[in-house]
Structure formats: structure tokens, C-alpha cells
């Protein structure tokens, strides 16, 4: 599981079991590098479209 921390302080969980969420920090960073965005699926809000400019940090959590 990964935590995506936005520049506005909001923290989102990236659960690879939901939607088409990617499994690793490296996969997300590569996707951001290529497309400039990441489509995160959450259990409570559905899809959230994140731009590379919004993301502060991606952390592995256990």
C-alpha cells in the first residue's frame, strides 16, 4: 500500500486492489513522468485525477 501526499497536505491511500491503481512507487512515478497525471481509485471517492504538480511525495506504508 502507498500513501500519496499532496502539496496541500491531503493524504490519499493507493490500494492496488482498487481499480487500475499501480502497485509500486516506481510505477506511479514513471506514469507521472510519461503522462503528467495519475488516476487514483479510492474506495470512498471513486476516481481522483492527480496532476504531477499536485503531488508532494509518494511513500510506502505497511
N, C-alpha and C. Protein backbone atom coordinates (compact mmCIF):
# COMPACT_ATOMS: atom_id res chain seq x y z
N UNK A 1 0.86 -1.18 0.00
CA UNK A 1 0.00 0.00 0.00
C UNK A 1 0.90 1.23 0.00
N UNK A 2 0.44 2.26 -0.69
CA UNK A 2 1.19 3.52 -0.79
C UNK A 2 0.33 4.67 -0.29
N UNK A 3 1.01 5.70 0.21
CA UNK A 3 0.34 6.94 0.59
C UNK A 3 0.84 8.02 -0.36
N UNK A 4 -0.09 8.73 -0.97
CA UNK A 4 0.24 9.86 -1.84
C UNK A 4 -0.07 11.12 -1.07
N UNK A 5 0.96 11.93 -0.84
CA UNK A 5 0.81 13.17 -0.09
C UNK A 5 0.81 14.33 -1.08
N UNK A 6 -0.25 15.11 -1.02
CA UNK A 6 -0.38 16.25 -1.93
C UNK A 6 0.25 17.50 -1.33
N UNK A 7 0.55 18.46 -2.17
CA UNK A 7 1.17 19.71 -1.72
C UNK A 7 0.26 20.50 -0.79
N UNK A 8 -1.06 20.27 -0.87
CA UNK A 8 -1.99 20.97 0.03
C UNK A 8 -2.13 20.26 1.38
N UNK A 9 -1.35 19.17 1.60
CA UNK A 9 -1.37 18.46 2.86
C UNK A 9 -2.29 17.26 2.91
N UNK A 10 -3.13 17.13 1.93
CA UNK A 10 -4.05 15.99 1.88
C UNK A 10 -3.27 14.69 1.64
N UNK A 11 -3.69 13.62 2.30
CA UNK A 11 -3.05 12.31 2.15
C UNK A 11 -4.06 11.32 1.61
N UNK A 12 -3.67 10.60 0.56
CA UNK A 12 -4.54 9.62 -0.09
C UNK A 12 -3.86 8.26 -0.10
N UNK A 13 -4.66 7.21 0.08
CA UNK A 13 -4.11 5.86 0.02
C UNK A 13 -4.26 5.29 -1.37
N UNK A 14 -3.19 4.66 -1.85
CA UNK A 14 -3.19 3.98 -3.14
C UNK A 14 -3.26 2.48 -2.86
N UNK A 15 -4.45 1.92 -2.97
CA UNK A 15 -4.65 0.49 -2.75
C UNK A 15 -4.62 -0.21 -4.11
N UNK A 16 -3.61 -1.05 -4.37
CA UNK A 16 -3.51 -1.71 -5.67
C UNK A 16 -4.65 -2.68 -5.96
N UNK A 17 -5.47 -2.99 -4.95
CA UNK A 17 -6.62 -3.87 -5.14
C UNK A 17 -7.81 -3.13 -5.76
N UNK A 18 -7.77 -1.80 -5.78
CA UNK A 18 -8.88 -1.00 -6.30
C UNK A 18 -8.60 -0.52 -7.72
N UNK A 19 -9.59 -0.61 -8.57
CA UNK A 19 -9.50 -0.07 -9.92
C UNK A 19 -8.25 -0.52 -10.64
N UNK A 20 -7.61 0.43 -11.29
CA UNK A 20 -6.37 0.16 -12.03
C UNK A 20 -5.17 0.78 -11.33
N UNK A 21 -5.25 0.93 -10.01
CA UNK A 21 -4.15 1.52 -9.26
C UNK A 21 -2.87 0.71 -9.47
N UNK A 22 -1.78 1.43 -9.64
CA UNK A 22 -0.49 0.78 -9.81
C UNK A 22 0.02 0.28 -8.46
N UNK A 23 0.97 -0.67 -8.50
CA UNK A 23 1.40 -1.35 -7.28
C UNK A 23 2.61 -0.75 -6.59
N UNK A 24 3.44 -0.01 -7.30
CA UNK A 24 4.68 0.47 -6.69
C UNK A 24 4.87 1.97 -6.90
N UNK A 25 5.68 2.54 -6.04
CA UNK A 25 6.05 3.95 -6.14
C UNK A 25 6.71 4.23 -7.48
N UNK A 26 7.56 3.31 -7.90
CA UNK A 26 8.28 3.48 -9.17
C UNK A 26 7.33 3.48 -10.37
N UNK A 27 6.32 2.63 -10.34
CA UNK A 27 5.34 2.60 -11.43
C UNK A 27 4.55 3.90 -11.50
N UNK A 28 4.16 4.42 -10.34
CA UNK A 28 3.42 5.68 -10.31
C UNK A 28 4.30 6.82 -10.80
N UNK A 29 5.56 6.87 -10.34
CA UNK A 29 6.47 7.93 -10.77
C UNK A 29 6.73 7.86 -12.28
N UNK A 30 6.84 6.66 -12.83
CA UNK A 30 7.03 6.52 -14.28
C UNK A 30 5.79 7.01 -15.02
N UNK A 31 4.61 6.64 -14.53
CA UNK A 31 3.36 7.08 -15.14
C UNK A 31 3.25 8.61 -15.11
N UNK A 32 3.61 9.22 -13.97
CA UNK A 32 3.59 10.68 -13.86
C UNK A 32 4.57 11.32 -14.83
N UNK A 33 5.73 10.70 -14.98
CA UNK A 33 6.75 11.22 -15.89
C UNK A 33 6.29 11.19 -17.34
N UNK A 34 5.59 10.13 -17.71
CA UNK A 34 5.15 9.95 -19.10
C UNK A 34 3.89 10.76 -19.41
N UNK A 35 2.89 10.69 -18.51
CA UNK A 35 1.59 11.31 -18.82
C UNK A 35 1.34 12.62 -18.09
N UNK A 36 2.07 12.86 -16.99
CA UNK A 36 1.86 14.08 -16.21
C UNK A 36 0.70 13.98 -15.24
N UNK A 37 0.08 12.79 -15.15
CA UNK A 37 -1.04 12.62 -14.23
C UNK A 37 -1.15 11.18 -13.78
N UNK A 38 -1.93 10.98 -12.70
CA UNK A 38 -2.20 9.64 -12.19
C UNK A 38 -3.66 9.58 -11.79
N UNK A 39 -4.36 8.57 -12.28
CA UNK A 39 -5.78 8.38 -11.97
C UNK A 39 -5.88 7.41 -10.80
N UNK A 40 -6.11 7.95 -9.63
CA UNK A 40 -6.18 7.17 -8.39
C UNK A 40 -7.62 6.76 -8.12
N UNK A 41 -7.84 5.48 -7.86
CA UNK A 41 -9.16 4.98 -7.48
C UNK A 41 -9.18 4.82 -5.97
N UNK A 42 -10.18 5.43 -5.31
CA UNK A 42 -10.33 5.32 -3.86
C UNK A 42 -11.67 4.65 -3.55
N UNK A 43 -11.74 4.03 -2.39
CA UNK A 43 -12.97 3.34 -2.01
C UNK A 43 -14.10 4.31 -1.65
N UNK A 44 -13.75 5.50 -1.18
CA UNK A 44 -14.80 6.43 -0.75
C UNK A 44 -15.13 7.54 -1.75
N UNK A 45 -14.17 7.89 -2.63
CA UNK A 45 -14.40 9.00 -3.56
C UNK A 45 -14.39 8.59 -5.03
N UNK A 46 -14.16 7.32 -5.30
CA UNK A 46 -14.07 6.89 -6.70
C UNK A 46 -12.73 7.35 -7.28
N UNK A 47 -12.74 7.76 -8.55
CA UNK A 47 -11.51 8.18 -9.20
C UNK A 47 -11.17 9.63 -8.87
N UNK A 48 -9.90 9.86 -8.56
CA UNK A 48 -9.37 11.20 -8.34
C UNK A 48 -8.23 11.37 -9.34
N UNK A 49 -8.30 12.41 -10.14
CA UNK A 49 -7.30 12.65 -11.17
C UNK A 49 -6.25 13.62 -10.62
N UNK A 50 -5.04 13.11 -10.43
CA UNK A 50 -3.95 13.88 -9.83
C UNK A 50 -2.94 14.28 -10.88
N UNK A 51 -2.57 15.56 -10.88
CA UNK A 51 -1.51 16.00 -11.79
C UNK A 51 -0.17 15.93 -11.07
N UNK A 52 0.88 15.86 -11.84
CA UNK A 52 2.22 15.77 -11.27
C UNK A 52 2.51 16.99 -10.39
N UNK A 53 1.93 18.14 -10.70
CA UNK A 53 2.15 19.35 -9.92
C UNK A 53 1.50 19.30 -8.53
N UNK A 54 0.49 18.47 -8.35
CA UNK A 54 -0.21 18.36 -7.07
C UNK A 54 0.49 17.48 -6.05
N UNK A 55 1.33 16.57 -6.52
CA UNK A 55 1.89 15.54 -5.65
C UNK A 55 3.21 15.99 -5.04
N UNK A 56 3.24 15.94 -3.71
CA UNK A 56 4.44 16.29 -2.95
C UNK A 56 5.36 15.09 -2.79
N UNK A 57 4.74 13.94 -2.41
CA UNK A 57 5.55 12.76 -2.08
C UNK A 57 4.70 11.50 -2.19
N UNK A 58 5.36 10.39 -2.50
CA UNK A 58 4.72 9.08 -2.50
C UNK A 58 5.52 8.21 -1.54
N UNK A 59 4.83 7.63 -0.55
CA UNK A 59 5.50 6.84 0.48
C UNK A 59 4.96 5.42 0.50
N UNK A 60 5.86 4.46 0.73
CA UNK A 60 5.44 3.09 1.00
C UNK A 60 4.97 3.01 2.45
N UNK A 61 3.83 2.34 2.67
CA UNK A 61 3.37 2.11 4.03
C UNK A 61 3.06 0.62 4.17
N UNK A 62 3.10 0.15 5.38
CA UNK A 62 2.84 -1.27 5.63
C UNK A 62 1.48 -1.45 6.22
